[in-house]
């Protein structure tokens, strides 16, 4: 189930240009676009948790790490939206999603990371 949810999350992130560009062109700021994106995502997640009768709880020792990852995720989305202001949606999305591939190639070439079958399949999928 986690794999499917990760795919849905990735697809939703990839749809940022589709839904953000009309909002940006109508005069809404990038901050407002992200606020509403995260608001609706939080409401949706809350409804899913209620319907599945699950709790959203994390150990106190993990809250700092969760906060850091949340800020980094929000920053990635904000930078992508800012990129849409200066570049076309296709170029912005391509740069955004090629970043992990470029990091993997740099790590393999310059830092001699092991290139495994999992890494090769990830490159092909990217």
N, C-alpha and C. Protein backbone atom coordinates (compact mmCIF):
# COMPACT_ATOMS: atom_id res chain seq x y z
N UNK A 1 0.82 -1.19 0.00
CA UNK A 1 0.00 0.00 0.00
C UNK A 1 0.87 1.26 0.00
N UNK A 2 2.00 1.21 0.69
CA UNK A 2 2.89 2.36 0.75
C UNK A 2 3.43 2.74 -0.61
N UNK A 3 3.71 1.73 -1.45
CA UNK A 3 4.22 1.99 -2.80
C UNK A 3 3.18 2.73 -3.62
N UNK A 4 1.93 2.32 -3.53
CA UNK A 4 0.85 2.97 -4.27
C UNK A 4 0.67 4.41 -3.80
N UNK A 5 0.72 4.61 -2.49
CA UNK A 5 0.58 5.96 -1.95
C UNK A 5 1.75 6.85 -2.37
N UNK A 6 2.94 6.29 -2.46
CA UNK A 6 4.10 7.06 -2.93
C UNK A 6 3.93 7.46 -4.39
N UNK A 7 3.38 6.56 -5.20
CA UNK A 7 3.11 6.89 -6.61
C UNK A 7 2.07 8.01 -6.72
N UNK A 8 1.04 7.93 -5.92
CA UNK A 8 0.01 8.97 -5.94
C UNK A 8 0.59 10.31 -5.50
N UNK A 9 1.43 10.27 -4.47
CA UNK A 9 2.07 11.50 -4.00
C UNK A 9 2.96 12.10 -5.07
N UNK A 10 3.72 11.27 -5.75
CA UNK A 10 4.59 11.75 -6.81
C UNK A 10 3.78 12.34 -7.96
N UNK A 11 2.69 11.68 -8.31
CA UNK A 11 1.84 12.19 -9.39
C UNK A 11 1.21 13.53 -8.99
N UNK A 12 0.79 13.65 -7.75
CA UNK A 12 0.20 14.90 -7.28
C UNK A 12 1.23 16.03 -7.30
N UNK A 13 2.46 15.71 -6.93
CA UNK A 13 3.52 16.73 -6.98
C UNK A 13 3.78 17.14 -8.43
N UNK A 14 3.72 16.18 -9.33
CA UNK A 14 3.94 16.47 -10.74
C UNK A 14 2.83 17.31 -11.36
N UNK A 15 1.66 17.32 -10.72
CA UNK A 15 0.55 18.12 -11.23
C UNK A 15 0.56 19.56 -10.74
N UNK A 16 1.56 19.93 -9.97
CA UNK A 16 1.65 21.31 -9.48
C UNK A 16 1.56 22.33 -10.63
N UNK A 17 2.30 22.15 -11.73
CA UNK A 17 2.19 23.14 -12.81
C UNK A 17 0.78 23.25 -13.40
N UNK A 18 0.11 22.12 -13.54
CA UNK A 18 -1.22 22.11 -14.16
C UNK A 18 -2.21 22.96 -13.38
N UNK A 19 -2.17 22.86 -12.07
CA UNK A 19 -3.14 23.59 -11.26
C UNK A 19 -2.61 24.95 -10.79
N UNK A 20 -1.31 25.11 -10.73
CA UNK A 20 -0.74 26.36 -10.21
C UNK A 20 -0.67 27.46 -11.26
N UNK A 21 -0.39 27.11 -12.49
CA UNK A 21 -0.23 28.14 -13.53
C UNK A 21 -1.47 29.01 -13.68
N UNK A 22 -2.68 28.44 -13.78
CA UNK A 22 -3.85 29.33 -13.89
C UNK A 22 -4.02 30.23 -12.66
N UNK A 23 -3.71 29.71 -11.49
CA UNK A 23 -3.83 30.51 -10.28
C UNK A 23 -2.80 31.63 -10.25
N UNK A 24 -1.58 31.32 -10.66
CA UNK A 24 -0.52 32.34 -10.70
C UNK A 24 -0.86 33.44 -11.72
N UNK A 25 -1.40 33.03 -12.87
CA UNK A 25 -1.74 34.00 -13.90
C UNK A 25 -2.94 34.86 -13.51
N UNK A 26 -3.77 34.36 -12.59
CA UNK A 26 -4.91 35.16 -12.14
C UNK A 26 -4.52 36.13 -11.02
N UNK A 27 -3.25 36.10 -10.60
CA UNK A 27 -2.78 37.07 -9.62
C UNK A 27 -2.54 36.51 -8.22
N UNK A 28 -2.81 35.24 -8.01
CA UNK A 28 -2.58 34.64 -6.70
C UNK A 28 -1.08 34.44 -6.49
N UNK A 29 -0.59 34.68 -5.30
CA UNK A 29 0.84 34.53 -5.04
C UNK A 29 1.20 33.05 -4.84
N UNK A 30 2.48 32.74 -4.97
CA UNK A 30 2.95 31.37 -4.78
C UNK A 30 2.67 30.89 -3.36
N UNK A 31 2.79 31.78 -2.40
CA UNK A 31 2.52 31.41 -1.01
C UNK A 31 1.06 30.99 -0.82
N UNK A 32 0.14 31.74 -1.44
CA UNK A 32 -1.28 31.40 -1.33
C UNK A 32 -1.59 30.08 -2.02
N UNK A 33 -0.99 29.86 -3.18
CA UNK A 33 -1.21 28.60 -3.90
C UNK A 33 -0.78 27.43 -3.03
N UNK A 34 0.38 27.54 -2.41
CA UNK A 34 0.86 26.45 -1.55
C UNK A 34 0.01 26.31 -0.29
N UNK A 35 -0.43 27.44 0.27
CA UNK A 35 -1.28 27.36 1.46
C UNK A 35 -2.53 26.54 1.16
N UNK A 36 -3.21 26.86 0.05
CA UNK A 36 -4.43 26.13 -0.27
C UNK A 36 -4.13 24.68 -0.67
N UNK A 37 -3.02 24.45 -1.32
CA UNK A 37 -2.64 23.07 -1.67
C UNK A 37 -2.48 22.23 -0.41
N UNK A 38 -1.73 22.75 0.55
CA UNK A 38 -1.50 22.00 1.78
C UNK A 38 -2.76 21.95 2.65
N UNK A 39 -3.60 22.97 2.61
CA UNK A 39 -4.85 22.95 3.36
C UNK A 39 -5.75 21.82 2.87
N UNK A 40 -5.95 21.75 1.54
CA UNK A 40 -6.81 20.70 0.99
C UNK A 40 -6.19 19.32 1.18
N UNK A 41 -4.87 19.23 1.10
CA UNK A 41 -4.20 17.95 1.34
C UNK A 41 -4.39 17.50 2.79
N UNK A 42 -4.30 18.44 3.73
CA UNK A 42 -4.48 18.11 5.14
C UNK A 42 -5.91 17.67 5.43
N UNK A 43 -6.86 18.36 4.83
CA UNK A 43 -8.26 17.98 5.02
C UNK A 43 -8.51 16.59 4.43
N UNK A 44 -7.97 16.33 3.24
CA UNK A 44 -8.14 15.01 2.61
C UNK A 44 -7.51 13.91 3.45
N UNK A 45 -6.30 14.17 3.93
CA UNK A 45 -5.63 13.18 4.77
C UNK A 45 -6.41 12.93 6.06
N UNK A 46 -6.92 14.00 6.65
CA UNK A 46 -7.72 13.86 7.87
C UNK A 46 -8.97 13.02 7.63
N UNK A 47 -9.65 13.26 6.50
CA UNK A 47 -10.84 12.46 6.18
C UNK A 47 -10.50 11.00 5.95
N UNK A 48 -9.40 10.74 5.28
CA UNK A 48 -8.98 9.35 5.05
C UNK A 48 -8.69 8.67 6.38
N UNK A 49 -8.01 9.37 7.28
CA UNK A 49 -7.70 8.79 8.59
C UNK A 49 -8.96 8.52 9.39
N UNK A 50 -9.92 9.43 9.32
CA UNK A 50 -11.18 9.23 10.02
C UNK A 50 -11.94 8.04 9.46
N UNK A 51 -12.00 7.96 8.14
CA UNK A 51 -12.72 6.84 7.51
C UNK A 51 -12.06 5.50 7.80
N UNK A 52 -10.75 5.48 7.88
CA UNK A 52 -10.03 4.23 8.18
C UNK A 52 -9.88 3.99 9.67
N UNK A 53 -10.38 4.92 10.47
CA UNK A 53 -10.33 4.85 11.93
C UNK A 53 -8.90 4.66 12.43
N UNK A 54 -8.00 5.50 11.89
CA UNK A 54 -6.60 5.47 12.28
C UNK A 54 -6.23 6.78 12.96
N UNK A 55 -5.18 6.73 13.74
CA UNK A 55 -4.69 7.93 14.42
C UNK A 55 -3.45 8.44 13.69
N UNK A 56 -3.29 9.74 13.72
CA UNK A 56 -2.10 10.36 13.16
C UNK A 56 -1.20 10.70 14.34
N UNK A 57 -0.34 9.78 14.69
CA UNK A 57 0.52 9.97 15.85
C UNK A 57 1.95 9.61 15.49
N UNK A 58 2.87 10.32 16.10
CA UNK A 58 4.29 10.04 15.90
C UNK A 58 4.98 10.17 17.26
N UNK A 59 6.01 9.37 17.47
CA UNK A 59 6.76 9.51 18.73
C UNK A 59 7.36 10.91 18.83
N UNK A 60 7.44 11.43 20.04
CA UNK A 60 7.95 12.78 20.26
C UNK A 60 9.37 12.95 19.73
N UNK A 61 10.17 11.89 19.79
CA UNK A 61 11.56 12.00 19.32
C UNK A 61 11.65 12.19 17.80
N UNK A 62 10.57 11.85 17.07
CA UNK A 62 10.58 11.98 15.62
C UNK A 62 9.98 13.30 15.13
N UNK A 63 9.42 14.10 16.02
CA UNK A 63 8.73 15.31 15.59
C UNK A 63 9.69 16.33 14.95
N UNK A 64 10.89 16.46 15.47
CA UNK A 64 11.86 17.38 14.88
C UNK A 64 12.22 16.98 13.46
N UNK A 65 12.45 15.69 13.26
CA UNK A 65 12.78 15.19 11.93
C UNK A 65 11.60 15.36 10.97
N UNK A 66 10.40 15.09 11.45
CA UNK A 66 9.21 15.29 10.62
C UNK A 66 9.04 16.76 10.24
N UNK A 67 9.32 17.65 11.17
CA UNK A 67 9.23 19.08 10.88
C UNK A 67 10.25 19.48 9.82
N UNK A 68 11.47 18.97 9.93
CA UNK A 68 12.51 19.27 8.95
C UNK A 68 12.11 18.78 7.56
N UNK A 69 11.63 17.54 7.46
CA UNK A 69 11.22 16.99 6.17
C UNK A 69 10.02 17.75 5.61
N UNK A 70 9.13 18.21 6.47
CA UNK A 70 7.97 18.98 6.02
C UNK A 70 8.42 20.31 5.42
N UNK A 71 9.36 20.96 6.07
CA UNK A 71 9.88 22.23 5.56
C UNK A 71 10.58 22.01 4.22
N UNK A 72 11.36 20.95 4.11
CA UNK A 72 12.05 20.67 2.84
C UNK A 72 11.07 20.36 1.72
N UNK A 73 10.00 19.63 2.03
CA UNK A 73 8.98 19.32 1.02
C UNK A 73 8.27 20.60 0.57
N UNK A 74 7.91 21.44 1.54
CA UNK A 74 7.26 22.71 1.20
C UNK A 74 8.19 23.61 0.39
N UNK A 75 9.47 23.61 0.73
CA UNK A 75 10.44 24.40 0.00
C UNK A 75 10.59 23.90 -1.44
N UNK A 76 10.58 22.58 -1.63
CA UNK A 76 10.67 22.04 -2.99
C UNK A 76 9.45 22.47 -3.81
N UNK A 77 8.27 22.42 -3.21
CA UNK A 77 7.06 22.85 -3.92
C UNK A 77 7.10 24.35 -4.21
N UNK A 78 7.55 25.14 -3.25
CA UNK A 78 7.62 26.58 -3.45
C UNK A 78 8.62 26.94 -4.55
N UNK A 79 9.77 26.29 -4.55
CA UNK A 79 10.77 26.55 -5.59
C UNK A 79 10.26 26.14 -6.96
N UNK A 80 9.47 25.06 -7.01
CA UNK A 80 8.91 24.66 -8.30
C UNK A 80 7.91 25.71 -8.78
N UNK A 81 7.09 26.22 -7.88
CA UNK A 81 6.13 27.25 -8.28
C UNK A 81 6.85 28.53 -8.69
N UNK A 82 7.88 28.90 -7.97
CA UNK A 82 8.66 30.08 -8.38
C UNK A 82 9.29 29.85 -9.75
N UNK A 83 9.74 28.62 -10.01
CA UNK A 83 10.28 28.31 -11.32
C UNK A 83 9.26 28.48 -12.42
N UNK A 84 7.98 28.22 -12.10
CA UNK A 84 6.93 28.38 -13.10
C UNK A 84 6.74 29.84 -13.50
N UNK A 85 7.14 30.74 -12.62
CA UNK A 85 7.01 32.16 -12.94
C UNK A 85 8.02 32.60 -14.00
N UNK A 86 9.13 31.86 -14.13
CA UNK A 86 10.20 32.27 -15.04
C UNK A 86 10.43 31.30 -16.20
N UNK A 87 9.99 30.07 -16.05
CA UNK A 87 10.18 29.04 -17.08
C UNK A 87 8.84 28.42 -17.43
N UNK A 88 8.79 27.69 -18.53
CA UNK A 88 7.56 26.98 -18.88
C UNK A 88 7.35 25.81 -17.92
N UNK A 89 6.13 25.33 -17.84
CA UNK A 89 5.80 24.23 -16.94
C UNK A 89 6.58 22.96 -17.24
N UNK A 90 6.77 22.67 -18.53
CA UNK A 90 7.50 21.46 -18.90
C UNK A 90 8.97 21.52 -18.49
N UNK A 91 9.60 22.67 -18.70
CA UNK A 91 11.01 22.82 -18.33
C UNK A 91 11.17 22.74 -16.81
N UNK A 92 10.28 23.40 -16.10
CA UNK A 92 10.35 23.39 -14.63
C UNK A 92 10.18 21.99 -14.08
N UNK A 93 9.18 21.25 -14.58
CA UNK A 93 8.94 19.89 -14.10
C UNK A 93 10.10 18.97 -14.47
N UNK A 94 10.65 19.14 -15.67
CA UNK A 94 11.78 18.31 -16.08
C UNK A 94 12.98 18.54 -15.16
N UNK A 95 13.29 19.79 -14.87
CA UNK A 95 14.39 20.08 -13.96
C UNK A 95 14.13 19.52 -12.57
N UNK A 96 12.90 19.67 -12.11
CA UNK A 96 12.55 19.19 -10.77
C UNK A 96 12.72 17.68 -10.65
N UNK A 97 12.26 16.94 -11.65
CA UNK A 97 12.25 15.49 -11.54
C UNK A 97 13.52 14.82 -12.05
N UNK A 98 14.39 15.58 -12.72
CA UNK A 98 15.68 15.02 -13.11
C UNK A 98 16.71 15.18 -11.99
N UNK A 99 16.39 15.98 -11.00
CA UNK A 99 17.34 16.22 -9.90
C UNK A 99 17.78 14.93 -9.21
N UNK A 100 16.86 14.03 -8.81
CA UNK A 100 17.33 12.78 -8.17
C UNK A 100 18.21 11.94 -9.08
N UNK A 101 17.88 11.93 -10.36
CA UNK A 101 18.68 11.18 -11.32
C UNK A 101 20.09 11.76 -11.41
N UNK A 102 20.19 13.07 -11.46
CA UNK A 102 21.51 13.71 -11.54
C UNK A 102 22.32 13.46 -10.27
N UNK A 103 21.68 13.49 -9.12
CA UNK A 103 22.38 13.21 -7.87
C UNK A 103 22.92 11.78 -7.89
N UNK A 104 22.11 10.83 -8.36
CA UNK A 104 22.56 9.44 -8.43
C UNK A 104 23.74 9.29 -9.37
N UNK A 105 23.70 9.95 -10.52
CA UNK A 105 24.81 9.86 -11.47
C UNK A 105 26.08 10.49 -10.89
N UNK A 106 25.95 11.62 -10.24
CA UNK A 106 27.12 12.27 -9.62
C UNK A 106 27.71 11.38 -8.54
N UNK A 107 26.84 10.77 -7.71
CA UNK A 107 27.32 9.89 -6.64
C UNK A 107 28.03 8.67 -7.23
N UNK A 108 27.51 8.14 -8.33
CA UNK A 108 28.12 6.95 -8.94
C UNK A 108 29.44 7.29 -9.62
N UNK A 109 29.48 8.39 -10.35
CA UNK A 109 30.68 8.74 -11.12
C UNK A 109 31.79 9.30 -10.24
N UNK A 110 31.45 10.27 -9.40
CA UNK A 110 32.49 10.98 -8.66
C UNK A 110 32.77 10.41 -7.27
N UNK A 111 31.78 9.77 -6.65
CA UNK A 111 31.96 9.27 -5.30
C UNK A 111 31.95 7.74 -5.23
N UNK A 112 31.94 7.08 -6.39
CA UNK A 112 32.09 5.64 -6.53
C UNK A 112 31.05 4.85 -5.74
N UNK A 113 29.80 5.36 -5.75
CA UNK A 113 28.70 4.60 -5.17
C UNK A 113 28.49 3.36 -6.02
N UNK A 114 28.07 2.29 -5.39
CA UNK A 114 27.85 1.04 -6.11
C UNK A 114 26.62 1.19 -7.02
N UNK A 115 26.78 0.81 -8.27
CA UNK A 115 25.69 0.86 -9.25
C UNK A 115 25.07 -0.53 -9.31
N UNK A 116 23.92 -0.69 -8.67
CA UNK A 116 23.27 -2.00 -8.57
C UNK A 116 22.12 -2.11 -9.57
N UNK A 117 21.50 -3.26 -9.59
CA UNK A 117 20.35 -3.49 -10.47
C UNK A 117 19.19 -2.61 -10.04
N UNK A 118 19.07 -2.35 -8.75
CA UNK A 118 18.00 -1.45 -8.27
C UNK A 118 18.27 -0.05 -8.75
N UNK A 119 19.52 0.39 -8.71
CA UNK A 119 19.87 1.72 -9.20
C UNK A 119 19.62 1.81 -10.70
N UNK A 120 20.02 0.79 -11.43
CA UNK A 120 19.80 0.79 -12.90
C UNK A 120 18.32 0.85 -13.24
N UNK A 121 17.50 0.09 -12.53
CA UNK A 121 16.06 0.12 -12.81
C UNK A 121 15.46 1.47 -12.43
N UNK A 122 15.97 2.09 -11.39
CA UNK A 122 15.50 3.42 -11.02
C UNK A 122 15.84 4.43 -12.09
N UNK A 123 17.03 4.34 -12.67
CA UNK A 123 17.43 5.24 -13.75
C UNK A 123 16.52 5.05 -14.95
N UNK A 124 16.23 3.80 -15.30
CA UNK A 124 15.35 3.53 -16.42
C UNK A 124 13.94 4.06 -16.18
N UNK A 125 13.45 3.91 -14.98
CA UNK A 125 12.12 4.43 -14.66
C UNK A 125 12.08 5.95 -14.69
N UNK A 126 13.17 6.56 -14.24
CA UNK A 126 13.22 8.03 -14.25
C UNK A 126 13.27 8.55 -15.68
